Amino acid sequence: MPHMGTLQPGLRGAGFRPSDVSGPARCSVFVAHRRHLQEGHGDLLDTRETERCRRYRIAADRDRFTLATVLLRAVAGRITGVEASAVVVDRICDSCGDPHGRPRLPGTGLQVSISHSGDVVAVAITPAGPVGVDVEQIESGHSDLVTTVCTGSELRHVGTAADFYAYWTRKEAVLKATGEGLRRRMTSIEVTAPGARPALVSLDGGAALACRMADLRIAGYAGAVAVLTAAHVSFDVFDAAWLLSASPDGFRAATTATRGTSDAGSAFQKLSTS
């Protein structure tokens, strides 16, 4: 289906660069798995990030946070042409001032969003407008959550767990893009049905914000990305495995690139929104 982004099985070699991610209407999503986390990746976390990571009691949570942080720095470094360790990430919360807010890349003109679930981490990055990405591992036992996520008209389209998580991820992507998070009820948002081209239909029963969306295809997971803009947006999905699997010296070199160039060829699939 043309609105779905299939994760490509590998981007090999130091020649890969995101295709014109610095252009006016492109959003790129980079996906990695926990198995790509390596010893030494934690060295890229700053002091506050390291402290936050240590507060996670479960090892898997620490791994996901570390991998997401490293992937964000790697991608941002790749695009802006600086070493990953030099990328400045601002996580100050707009509400309370603590460093747990959505990440920002000051001075770059780029908007970013992070999501992780199960063994998967995703980072979305774009100059096109505020962005939100969400991935969720598809699991059974979702029936108790359906009425807290779906509106009455949406409920009739939920036949499987995959249907439910399609609604969940599309709405969560919108909430991340707006910055509202769980302060807004998911049932106040209406999106198109699973299988249809993803789109924001309404907010609070009224007119929707200008929003461009795409679904992500990752085996065993549902995923979606949303950009708040009226402009046409093209979406690319990348497997970030090679970027994270380099040796420390190779990783440093691999995350430095010239902005706005591309020789990725067929290693990515481009999506277009209507």
C-alpha atoms as a PDB file:
ATOM      1  CA  MET A   1       0.000   0.000   0.000  1.00  0.00           C
ATOM      2  CA  PRO A   2       1.500   3.357  -0.967  1.00  0.00           C
ATOM      3  CA  HIS A   3       1.008   5.031   2.395  1.00  0.00           C
ATOM      4  CA  MET A   4       2.931   2.403   4.331  1.00  0.00           C
ATOM      5  CA  GLY A   5       6.667   2.582   4.947  1.00  0.00           C
ATOM      6  CA  THR A   6       8.435  -0.775   4.809  1.00  0.00           C
ATOM      7  CA  LEU A   7      11.651  -0.943   6.797  1.00  0.00           C
ATOM      8  CA  GLN A   8      14.471  -1.753   4.437  1.00  0.00           C
ATOM      9  CA  PRO A   9      16.693  -4.705   5.429  1.00  0.00           C
ATOM     10  CA  GLY A  10      19.978  -2.861   5.561  1.00  0.00           C
ATOM     11  CA  LEU A  11      21.856   0.325   4.751  1.00  0.00           C
ATOM     12  CA  ARG A  12      25.477  -0.674   4.398  1.00  0.00           C
ATOM     13  CA  GLY A  13      28.644   1.309   3.998  1.00  0.00           C
ATOM     14  CA  ALA A  14      29.718   4.799   4.918  1.00  0.00           C
ATOM     15  CA  GLY A  15      28.244   6.173   1.688  1.00  0.00           C
ATOM     16  CA  PHE A  16      24.674   6.308   3.015  1.00  0.00           C
ATOM     17  CA  ARG A  17      23.201   9.724   3.655  1.00  0.00           C
ATOM     18  CA  PRO A  18      19.558  10.667   4.263  1.00  0.00           C
ATOM     19  CA  SER A  19      18.056  11.858   1.006  1.00  0.00           C
ATOM     20  CA  ASP A  20      17.656  15.633   1.249  1.00  0.00           C
ATOM     21  CA  VAL A  21      16.368  15.505   4.822  1.00  0.00           C
ATOM     22  CA  SER A  22      17.236  19.175   5.083  1.00  0.00           C
ATOM     23  CA  GLY A  23      14.805  19.942   2.251  1.00  0.00           C
ATOM     24  CA  PRO A  24      11.581  21.826   2.932  1.00  0.00           C
ATOM     25  CA  ALA A  25       9.137  18.900   2.910  1.00  0.00           C
ATOM     26  CA  ARG A  26      10.790  15.633   3.915  1.00  0.00           C
ATOM     27  CA  CYS A  27      10.546  13.559   7.084  1.00  0.00           C
ATOM     28  CA  SER A  28      12.923  10.669   7.754  1.00  0.00           C
ATOM     29  CA  VAL A  29      12.361   7.902  10.297  1.00  0.00           C
ATOM     30  CA  PHE A  30      15.299   5.797  11.515  1.00  0.00           C
ATOM     31  CA  VAL A  31      14.608   2.443  13.161  1.00  0.00           C
ATOM     32  CA  ALA A  32      16.947   0.339  15.320  1.00  0.00           C
ATOM     33  CA  HIS A  33      16.689  -2.748  17.555  1.00  0.00           C
ATOM     34  CA  ARG A  34      18.079  -3.384  21.026  1.00  0.00           C
ATOM     35  CA  ARG A  35      20.555  -5.872  19.588  1.00  0.00           C
ATOM     36  CA  HIS A  36      22.300  -2.928  17.917  1.00  0.00           C
ATOM     37  CA  LEU A  37      23.238  -1.406  21.276  1.00  0.00           C
ATOM     38  CA  GLN A  38      26.964  -1.756  21.895  1.00  0.00           C
ATOM     39  CA  GLU A  39      29.349  -1.303  24.763  1.00  0.00           C
ATOM     40  CA  GLY A  40      30.533   2.284  24.653  1.00  0.00           C
ATOM     41  CA  HIS A  41      27.314   3.731  23.254  1.00  0.00           C
ATOM     42  CA  GLY A  42      26.453   4.971  26.737  1.00  0.00           C
ATOM     43  CA  ASP A  43      29.458   7.298  26.554  1.00  0.00           C
ATOM     44  CA  LEU A  44      27.440   9.508  24.197  1.00  0.00           C
ATOM     45  CA  LEU A  45      24.897  10.342  26.892  1.00  0.00           C
ATOM     46  CA  ASP A  46      25.371  13.676  28.625  1.00  0.00           C
ATOM     47  CA  THR A  47      25.351  14.022  32.426  1.00  0.00           C
ATOM     48  CA  ARG A  48      21.604  14.512  32.767  1.00  0.00           C
ATOM     49  CA  GLU A  49      20.838  11.689  30.358  1.00  0.00           C
ATOM     50  CA  THR A  50      23.180   9.377  32.234  1.00  0.00           C
ATOM     51  CA  GLU A  51      21.471  10.214  35.529  1.00  0.00           C
ATOM     52  CA  ARG A  52      18.057   9.619  33.996  1.00  0.00           C
ATOM     53  CA  CYS A  53      19.170   6.299  32.528  1.00  0.00           C
ATOM     54  CA  ARG A  54      20.440   5.097  35.902  1.00  0.00           C
ATOM     55  CA  ARG A  55      17.024   5.713  37.451  1.00  0.00           C
ATOM     56  CA  TYR A  56      15.468   3.002  35.294  1.00  0.00           C
ATOM     57  CA  ARG A  57      15.289  -0.145  37.413  1.00  0.00           C
ATOM     58  CA  ILE A  58      14.807  -2.587  34.535  1.00  0.00           C
ATOM     59  CA  ALA A  59      17.764  -3.264  32.241  1.00  0.00           C
ATOM     60  CA  ALA A  60      15.570  -3.316  29.126  1.00  0.00           C
ATOM     61  CA  ASP A  61      14.331   0.204  29.929  1.00  0.00           C
ATOM     62  CA  ARG A  62      17.910   1.423  30.336  1.00  0.00           C
ATOM     63  CA  ASP A  63      18.827  -0.170  27.010  1.00  0.00           C
ATOM     64  CA  ARG A  64      15.907   1.425  25.167  1.00  0.00           C
ATOM     65  CA  PHE A  65      16.637   4.869  26.576  1.00  0.00           C
ATOM     66  CA  THR A  66      20.339   4.600  25.750  1.00  0.00           C
ATOM     67  CA  LEU A  67      19.705   3.312  22.237  1.00  0.00           C
ATOM     68  CA  ALA A  68      17.161   6.043  21.501  1.00  0.00           C
ATOM     69  CA  THR A  69      19.523   8.741  22.756  1.00  0.00           C
ATOM     70  CA  VAL A  70      22.489   7.387  20.796  1.00  0.00           C
ATOM     71  CA  LEU A  71      20.411   6.991  17.630  1.00  0.00           C
ATOM     72  CA  LEU A  72      19.159  10.582  17.918  1.00  0.00           C
ATOM     73  CA  ARG A  73      22.704  11.907  18.250  1.00  0.00           C
ATOM     74  CA  ALA A  74      23.950   9.683  15.421  1.00  0.00           C
ATOM     75  CA  VAL A  75      21.213  10.787  13.038  1.00  0.00           C
ATOM     76  CA  ALA A  76      21.479  14.468  13.965  1.00  0.00           C
ATOM     77  CA  GLY A  77      25.250  14.337  13.591  1.00  0.00           C
ATOM     78  CA  ARG A  78      24.930  12.631  10.247  1.00  0.00           C
ATOM     79  CA  ILE A  79      22.583  15.317   8.947  1.00  0.00           C
ATOM     80  CA  THR A  80      24.233  18.417  10.408  1.00  0.00           C
ATOM     81  CA  GLY A  81      27.814  17.316   9.738  1.00  0.00           C
ATOM     82  CA  VAL A  82      29.089  17.201  13.324  1.00  0.00           C
ATOM     83  CA  GLU A  83      30.249  14.330  15.505  1.00  0.00           C
ATOM     84  CA  ALA A  84      27.481  12.605  17.423  1.00  0.00           C
ATOM     85  CA  SER A  85      29.166  13.493  20.722  1.00  0.00           C
ATOM     86  CA  ALA A  86      28.947  17.200  19.821  1.00  0.00           C
ATOM     87  CA  VAL A  87      25.200  17.200  19.123  1.00  0.00           C
ATOM     88  CA  VAL A  88      23.330  19.353  21.630  1.00  0.00           C
ATOM     89  CA  VAL A  89      19.980  17.894  22.739  1.00  0.00           C
ATOM     90  CA  ASP A  90      17.619  20.047  24.814  1.00  0.00           C
ATOM     91  CA  ARG A  91      15.080  18.036  26.835  1.00  0.00           C
ATOM     92  CA  ILE A  92      13.764  20.773  29.126  1.00  0.00           C
ATOM     93  CA  CYS A  93      10.053  20.286  29.814  1.00  0.00           C
ATOM     94  CA  ASP A  94       7.894  23.289  28.889  1.00  0.00           C
ATOM     95  CA  SER A  95       5.615  22.641  31.861  1.00  0.00           C
ATOM     96  CA  CYS A  96       7.983  22.036  34.774  1.00  0.00           C
ATOM     97  CA  GLY A  97      11.499  22.859  33.572  1.00  0.00           C
ATOM     98  CA  ASP A  98      12.898  19.393  34.319  1.00  0.00           C
ATOM     99  CA  PRO A  99      15.014  17.623  31.657  1.00  0.00           C
ATOM    100  CA  HIS A 100      12.399  15.058  30.631  1.00  0.00           C
ATOM    101  CA  GLY A 101      10.604  16.908  27.846  1.00  0.00           C
ATOM    102  CA  ARG A 102      10.517  16.054  24.173  1.00  0.00           C
ATOM    103  CA  PRO A 103      13.952  16.457  22.585  1.00  0.00           C
ATOM    104  CA  ARG A 104      14.973  19.513  20.593  1.00  0.00           C
ATOM    105  CA  LEU A 105      18.049  20.245  18.488  1.00  0.00           C
ATOM    106  CA  PRO A 106      18.743  23.967  19.118  1.00  0.00           C
ATOM    107  CA  GLY A 107      20.022  25.997  16.205  1.00  0.00           C
ATOM    108  CA  THR A 108      19.500  23.288  13.571  1.00  0.00           C
ATOM    109  CA  GLY A 109      16.034  24.120  12.254  1.00  0.00           C
ATOM    110  CA  LEU A 110      15.159  20.442  12.669  1.00  0.00           C
ATOM    111  CA  GLN A 111      12.243  18.931  14.604  1.00  0.00           C
ATOM    112  CA  VAL A 112      12.655  15.482  16.179  1.00  0.00           C
ATOM    113  CA  SER A 113      10.657  12.809  17.978  1.00  0.00           C
ATOM    114  CA  ILE A 114      11.613   9.526  19.657  1.00  0.00           C
ATOM    115  CA  SER A 115       9.640   6.360  20.401  1.00  0.00           C
ATOM    116  CA  HIS A 116      10.509   2.913  21.729  1.00  0.00           C
ATOM    117  CA  SER A 117       8.585  -0.250  22.469  1.00  0.00           C
ATOM    118  CA  GLY A 118       9.687  -3.825  22.963  1.00  0.00           C
ATOM    119  CA  ASP A 119      13.029  -4.151  21.166  1.00  0.00           C
ATOM    120  CA  VAL A 120      12.443  -1.328  18.670  1.00  0.00           C
ATOM    121  CA  VAL A 121      13.493   2.331  18.775  1.00  0.00           C
ATOM    122  CA  ALA A 122      12.461   4.963  16.219  1.00  0.00           C
ATOM    123  CA  VAL A 123      13.697   8.512  15.648  1.00  0.00           C
ATOM    124  CA  ALA A 124      11.855  10.898  13.303  1.00  0.00           C
ATOM    125  CA  ILE A 125      13.538  14.071  12.054  1.00  0.00           C
ATOM    126  CA  THR A 126      12.321  16.812   9.727  1.00  0.00           C
ATOM    127  CA  PRO A 127      12.511  20.552   9.008  1.00  0.00           C
ATOM    128  CA  ALA A 128       8.894  20.536   7.779  1.00  0.00           C
ATOM    129  CA  GLY A 129       7.159  21.149  11.123  1.00  0.00           C
ATOM    130  CA  PRO A 130       6.512  19.706  14.587  1.00  0.00           C
ATOM    131  CA  VAL A 131       6.803  15.927  14.363  1.00  0.00           C
ATOM    132  CA  GLY A 132       5.672  12.946  16.385  1.00  0.00           C
ATOM    133  CA  VAL A 133       6.535   9.271  15.928  1.00  0.00           C
ATOM    134  CA  ASP A 134       5.136   6.289  17.790  1.00  0.00           C
ATOM    135  CA  VAL A 135       5.853   2.558  17.649  1.00  0.00           C
ATOM    136  CA  GLU A 136       4.037  -0.055  19.701  1.00  0.00           C
ATOM    137  CA  GLN A 137       4.611  -3.787  19.951  1.00  0.00           C
ATOM    138  CA  ILE A 138       1.436  -5.569  18.873  1.00  0.00           C
ATOM    139  CA  GLU A 139       0.184  -7.643  21.790  1.00  0.00           C
ATOM    140  CA  SER A 140      -3.053  -9.330  22.783  1.00  0.00           C
ATOM    141  CA  GLY A 141      -4.963  -8.202  25.857  1.00  0.00           C
ATOM    142  CA  HIS A 142      -5.798  -4.782  24.475  1.00  0.00           C
ATOM    143  CA  SER A 143      -9.577  -5.084  24.867  1.00  0.00           C
ATOM    144  CA  ASP A 144      -9.665  -3.114  28.128  1.00  0.00           C
ATOM    145  CA  LEU A 145      -7.979  -0.175  26.410  1.00  0.00           C
ATOM    146  CA  VAL A 146     -10.085   0.085  23.267  1.00  0.00           C
ATOM    147  CA  THR A 147     -12.699   2.483  24.639  1.00  0.00           C
ATOM    148  CA  THR A 148     -10.006   4.780  26.074  1.00  0.00           C
ATOM    149  CA  VAL A 149      -8.359   5.096  22.649  1.00  0.00           C
ATOM    150  CA  CYS A 150     -11.076   4.807  20.014  1.00  0.00           C
ATOM    151  CA  THR A 151     -14.158   6.927  19.417  1.00  0.00           C
ATOM    152  CA  GLY A 152     -17.567   5.325  18.938  1.00  0.00           C
ATOM    153  CA  SER A 153     -17.304   5.520  15.159  1.00  0.00           C
ATOM    154  CA  GLU A 154     -13.792   4.048  15.237  1.00  0.00           C
ATOM    155  CA  LEU A 155     -14.733   1.063  17.395  1.00  0.00           C
ATOM    156  CA  ARG A 156     -16.488  -0.729  14.557  1.00  0.00           C
ATOM    157  CA  HIS A 157     -13.199  -0.859  12.628  1.00  0.00           C
ATOM    158  CA  VAL A 158     -11.290  -2.621  15.427  1.00  0.00           C
ATOM    159  CA  GLY A 159     -11.346  -6.314  14.593  1.00  0.00           C
ATOM    160  CA  THR A 160      -7.790  -7.283  15.535  1.00  0.00           C
ATOM    161  CA  ALA A 161      -4.964  -6.181  17.807  1.00  0.00           C
ATOM    162  CA  ALA A 162      -3.235  -4.713  14.752  1.00  0.00           C
ATOM    163  CA  ASP A 163      -6.297  -2.545  14.075  1.00  0.00           C
ATOM    164  CA  PHE A 164      -6.267  -1.246  17.647  1.00  0.00           C
ATOM    165  CA  TYR A 165      -2.569  -0.420  17.571  1.00  0.00           C
ATOM    166  CA  ALA A 166      -2.955   1.319  14.213  1.00  0.00           C
ATOM    167  CA  TYR A 167      -5.370   3.724  15.901  1.00  0.00           C
ATOM    168  CA  TRP A 168      -3.138   4.003  18.971  1.00  0.00           C
ATOM    169  CA  THR A 169       0.057   4.857  17.076  1.00  0.00           C
ATOM    170  CA  ARG A 170      -1.598   7.311  14.711  1.00  0.00           C
ATOM    171  CA  LYS A 171      -3.131   9.206  17.633  1.00  0.00           C
ATOM    172  CA  GLU A 172       0.009   9.058  19.765  1.00  0.00           C
ATOM    173  CA  ALA A 173       2.031  10.437  16.850  1.00  0.00           C
ATOM    174  CA  VAL A 174      -0.349  13.403  16.651  1.00  0.00           C
ATOM    175  CA  LEU A 175      -0.168  13.968  20.423  1.00  0.00           C
ATOM    176  CA  LYS A 176       3.626  13.965  20.293  1.00  0.00           C
ATOM    177  CA  ALA A 177       3.635  16.405  17.391  1.00  0.00           C
ATOM    178  CA  THR A 178       1.323  18.830  19.213  1.00  0.00           C
ATOM    179  CA  GLY A 179       3.295  18.412  22.442  1.00  0.00           C
ATOM    180  CA  GLU A 180       0.130  17.614  24.397  1.00  0.00           C
ATOM    181  CA  GLY A 181       0.992  14.002  25.151  1.00  0.00           C
ATOM    182  CA  LEU A 182      -1.404  12.269  27.495  1.00  0.00           C
ATOM    183  CA  ARG A 183      -2.810  15.616  28.659  1.00  0.00           C
ATOM    184  CA  ARG A 184      -5.307  15.184  25.821  1.00  0.00           C
ATOM    185  CA  ARG A 185      -7.713  12.231  25.753  1.00  0.00           C
ATOM    186  CA  MET A 186      -7.148   9.954  22.784  1.00  0.00           C
ATOM    187  CA  THR A 187     -10.898   9.768  22.239  1.00  0.00           C
ATOM    188  CA  SER A 188     -10.887  13.515  21.490  1.00  0.00           C
ATOM    189  CA  ILE A 189      -8.896  12.707  18.347  1.00  0.00           C
ATOM    190  CA  GLU A 190     -10.338  10.956  15.313  1.00  0.00           C
ATOM    191  CA  VAL A 191      -8.160   9.444  12.600  1.00  0.00           C
ATOM    192  CA  THR A 192      -8.853   7.367   9.522  1.00  0.00           C
ATOM    193  CA  ALA A 193      -9.505   3.643   9.842  1.00  0.00           C
ATOM    194  CA  PRO A 194      -6.786   0.968   9.662  1.00  0.00           C
ATOM    195  CA  GLY A 195      -6.078   0.136   6.029  1.00  0.00           C
ATOM    196  CA  ALA A 196      -7.027   3.618   4.860  1.00  0.00           C
ATOM    197  CA  ARG A 197      -4.472   6.316   4.129  1.00  0.00           C
ATOM    198  CA  PRO A 198      -3.525   7.687   7.583  1.00  0.00           C
ATOM    199  CA  ALA A 199      -4.952  11.137   8.265  1.00  0.00           C
ATOM    200  CA  LEU A 200      -6.145  13.273  11.130  1.00  0.00           C
ATOM    201  CA  VAL A 201      -9.925  13.655  10.768  1.00  0.00           C
ATOM    202  CA  SER A 202     -10.923  15.851  13.717  1.00  0.00           C
ATOM    203  CA  LEU A 203     -10.034  17.221  17.149  1.00  0.00           C
ATOM    204  CA  ASP A 204     -12.791  17.501  19.755  1.00  0.00           C
ATOM    205  CA  GLY A 205     -15.305  16.880  16.995  1.00  0.00           C
ATOM    206  CA  GLY A 206     -14.246  19.994  15.110  1.00  0.00           C
ATOM    207  CA  ALA A 207     -11.814  20.841  12.350  1.00  0.00           C
ATOM    208  CA  ALA A 208      -8.476  19.066  12.440  1.00  0.00           C
ATOM    209  CA  LEU A 209      -5.048  20.669  12.458  1.00  0.00           C
ATOM    210  CA  ALA A 210      -3.081  20.644   9.224  1.00  0.00           C
ATOM    211  CA  CYS A 211      -1.267  17.324   9.506  1.00  0.00           C
ATOM    212  CA  ARG A 212       0.562  14.895   7.237  1.00  0.00           C
ATOM    213  CA  MET A 213       0.902  11.262   8.326  1.00  0.00           C
ATOM    214  CA  ALA A 214       2.355   7.904   7.350  1.00  0.00           C
ATOM    215  CA  ASP A 215       2.225   4.418   8.818  1.00  0.00           C
ATOM    216  CA  LEU A 216       5.379   2.385   9.436  1.00  0.00           C
ATOM    217  CA  ARG A 217       5.699  -1.318   8.657  1.00  0.00           C
ATOM    218  CA  ILE A 218       7.888  -3.098  11.207  1.00  0.00           C
ATOM    219  CA  ALA A 219       7.360  -6.817  11.784  1.00  0.00           C
ATOM    220  CA  GLY A 220       5.411  -7.366  15.015  1.00  0.00           C
ATOM    221  CA  TYR A 221       4.856  -3.643  15.592  1.00  0.00           C
ATOM    222  CA  ALA A 222       2.504  -0.853  14.609  1.00  0.00           C
ATOM    223  CA  GLY A 223       3.937   2.569  13.909  1.00  0.00           C
ATOM    224  CA  ALA A 224       3.005   6.016  12.655  1.00  0.00           C
ATOM    225  CA  VAL A 225       4.578   9.418  12.114  1.00  0.00           C
ATOM    226  CA  ALA A 226       2.814  12.801  11.957  1.00  0.00           C
ATOM    227  CA  VAL A 227       4.061  16.230  10.868  1.00  0.00           C
ATOM    228  CA  LEU A 228       2.009  19.352  11.606  1.00  0.00           C
ATOM    229  CA  THR A 229       2.024  21.144   8.275  1.00  0.00           C
ATOM    230  CA  ALA A 230      -0.309  21.775   5.365  1.00  0.00           C
ATOM    231  CA  ALA A 231       2.502  21.214   2.886  1.00  0.00           C
ATOM    232  CA  HIS A 232       3.062  17.980   1.007  1.00  0.00           C
ATOM    233  CA  VAL A 233       5.543  15.800   2.938  1.00  0.00           C
ATOM    234  CA  SER A 234       7.566  12.847   1.694  1.00  0.00           C
ATOM    235  CA  PHE A 235       8.423  10.180   4.261  1.00  0.00           C
ATOM    236  CA  ASP A 236      11.499   7.928   4.204  1.00  0.00           C
ATOM    237  CA  VAL A 237      12.137   4.963   6.497  1.00  0.00           C
ATOM    238  CA  PHE A 238      15.697   3.781   7.217  1.00  0.00           C
ATOM    239  CA  ASP A 239      17.212   0.782   8.962  1.00  0.00           C
ATOM    240  CA  ALA A 240      19.832   2.372  11.235  1.00  0.00           C
ATOM    241  CA  ALA A 241      21.660  -0.886  12.043  1.00  0.00           C
ATOM    242  CA  TRP A 242      24.844  -0.081  10.144  1.00  0.00           C
ATOM    243  CA  LEU A 243      25.102   3.373  11.681  1.00  0.00           C
ATOM    244  CA  LEU A 244      25.063   1.892  15.194  1.00  0.00           C
ATOM    245  CA  SER A 245      27.198  -1.188  14.523  1.00  0.00           C
ATOM    246  CA  ALA A 246      30.464   0.560  13.656  1.00  0.00           C
ATOM    247  CA  SER A 247      33.502   0.424  15.903  1.00  0.00           C
ATOM    248  CA  PRO A 248      33.993   3.490  18.145  1.00  0.00           C
ATOM    249  CA  ASP A 249      36.265   5.146  15.568  1.00  0.00           C
ATOM    250  CA  GLY A 250      34.039   4.073  12.698  1.00  0.00           C
ATOM    251  CA  PHE A 251      30.949   5.250  14.527  1.00  0.00           C
ATOM    252  CA  ARG A 252      32.504   8.672  14.992  1.00  0.00           C
ATOM    253  CA  ALA A 253      33.308   8.870  11.287  1.00  0.00           C
ATOM    254  CA  ALA A 254      29.996   7.395  10.163  1.00  0.00           C
ATOM    255  CA  THR A 255      27.982  10.020  11.992  1.00  0.00           C
ATOM    256  CA  THR A 256      29.663  12.906  10.177  1.00  0.00           C
ATOM    257  CA  ALA A 257      28.291  13.853   6.748  1.00  0.00           C
ATOM    258  CA  THR A 258      27.710  16.763   4.419  1.00  0.00           C
ATOM    259  CA  ARG A 259      24.208  18.160   4.710  1.00  0.00           C
ATOM    260  CA  GLY A 260      21.809  17.769   1.801  1.00  0.00           C
ATOM    261  CA  THR A 261      23.577  15.036  -0.182  1.00  0.00           C
ATOM    262  CA  SER A 262      22.417  11.550  -1.005  1.00  0.00           C
ATOM    263  CA  ASP A 263      23.745   8.356  -2.520  1.00  0.00           C
ATOM    264  CA  ALA A 264      21.516   5.933  -0.686  1.00  0.00           C
ATOM    265  CA  GLY A 265      20.009   4.693  -3.938  1.00  0.00           C
ATOM    266  CA  SER A 266      17.439   1.965  -3.424  1.00  0.00           C
ATOM    267  CA  ALA A 267      18.349   1.463   0.231  1.00  0.00           C
ATOM    268  CA  PHE A 268      15.276   3.410   1.303  1.00  0.00           C
ATOM    269  CA  GLN A 269      11.638   3.568   0.319  1.00  0.00           C
ATOM    270  CA  LYS A 270      10.014   6.967  -0.078  1.00  0.00           C
ATOM    271  CA  LEU A 271       6.422   7.531   0.968  1.00  0.00           C
ATOM    272  CA  SER A 272       4.198  10.384  -0.122  1.00  0.00           C
ATOM    273  CA  THR A 273       1.210  11.863   1.662  1.00  0.00           C
ATOM    274  CA  SER A 274      -1.749  13.298  -0.140  1.00  0.00           C
END
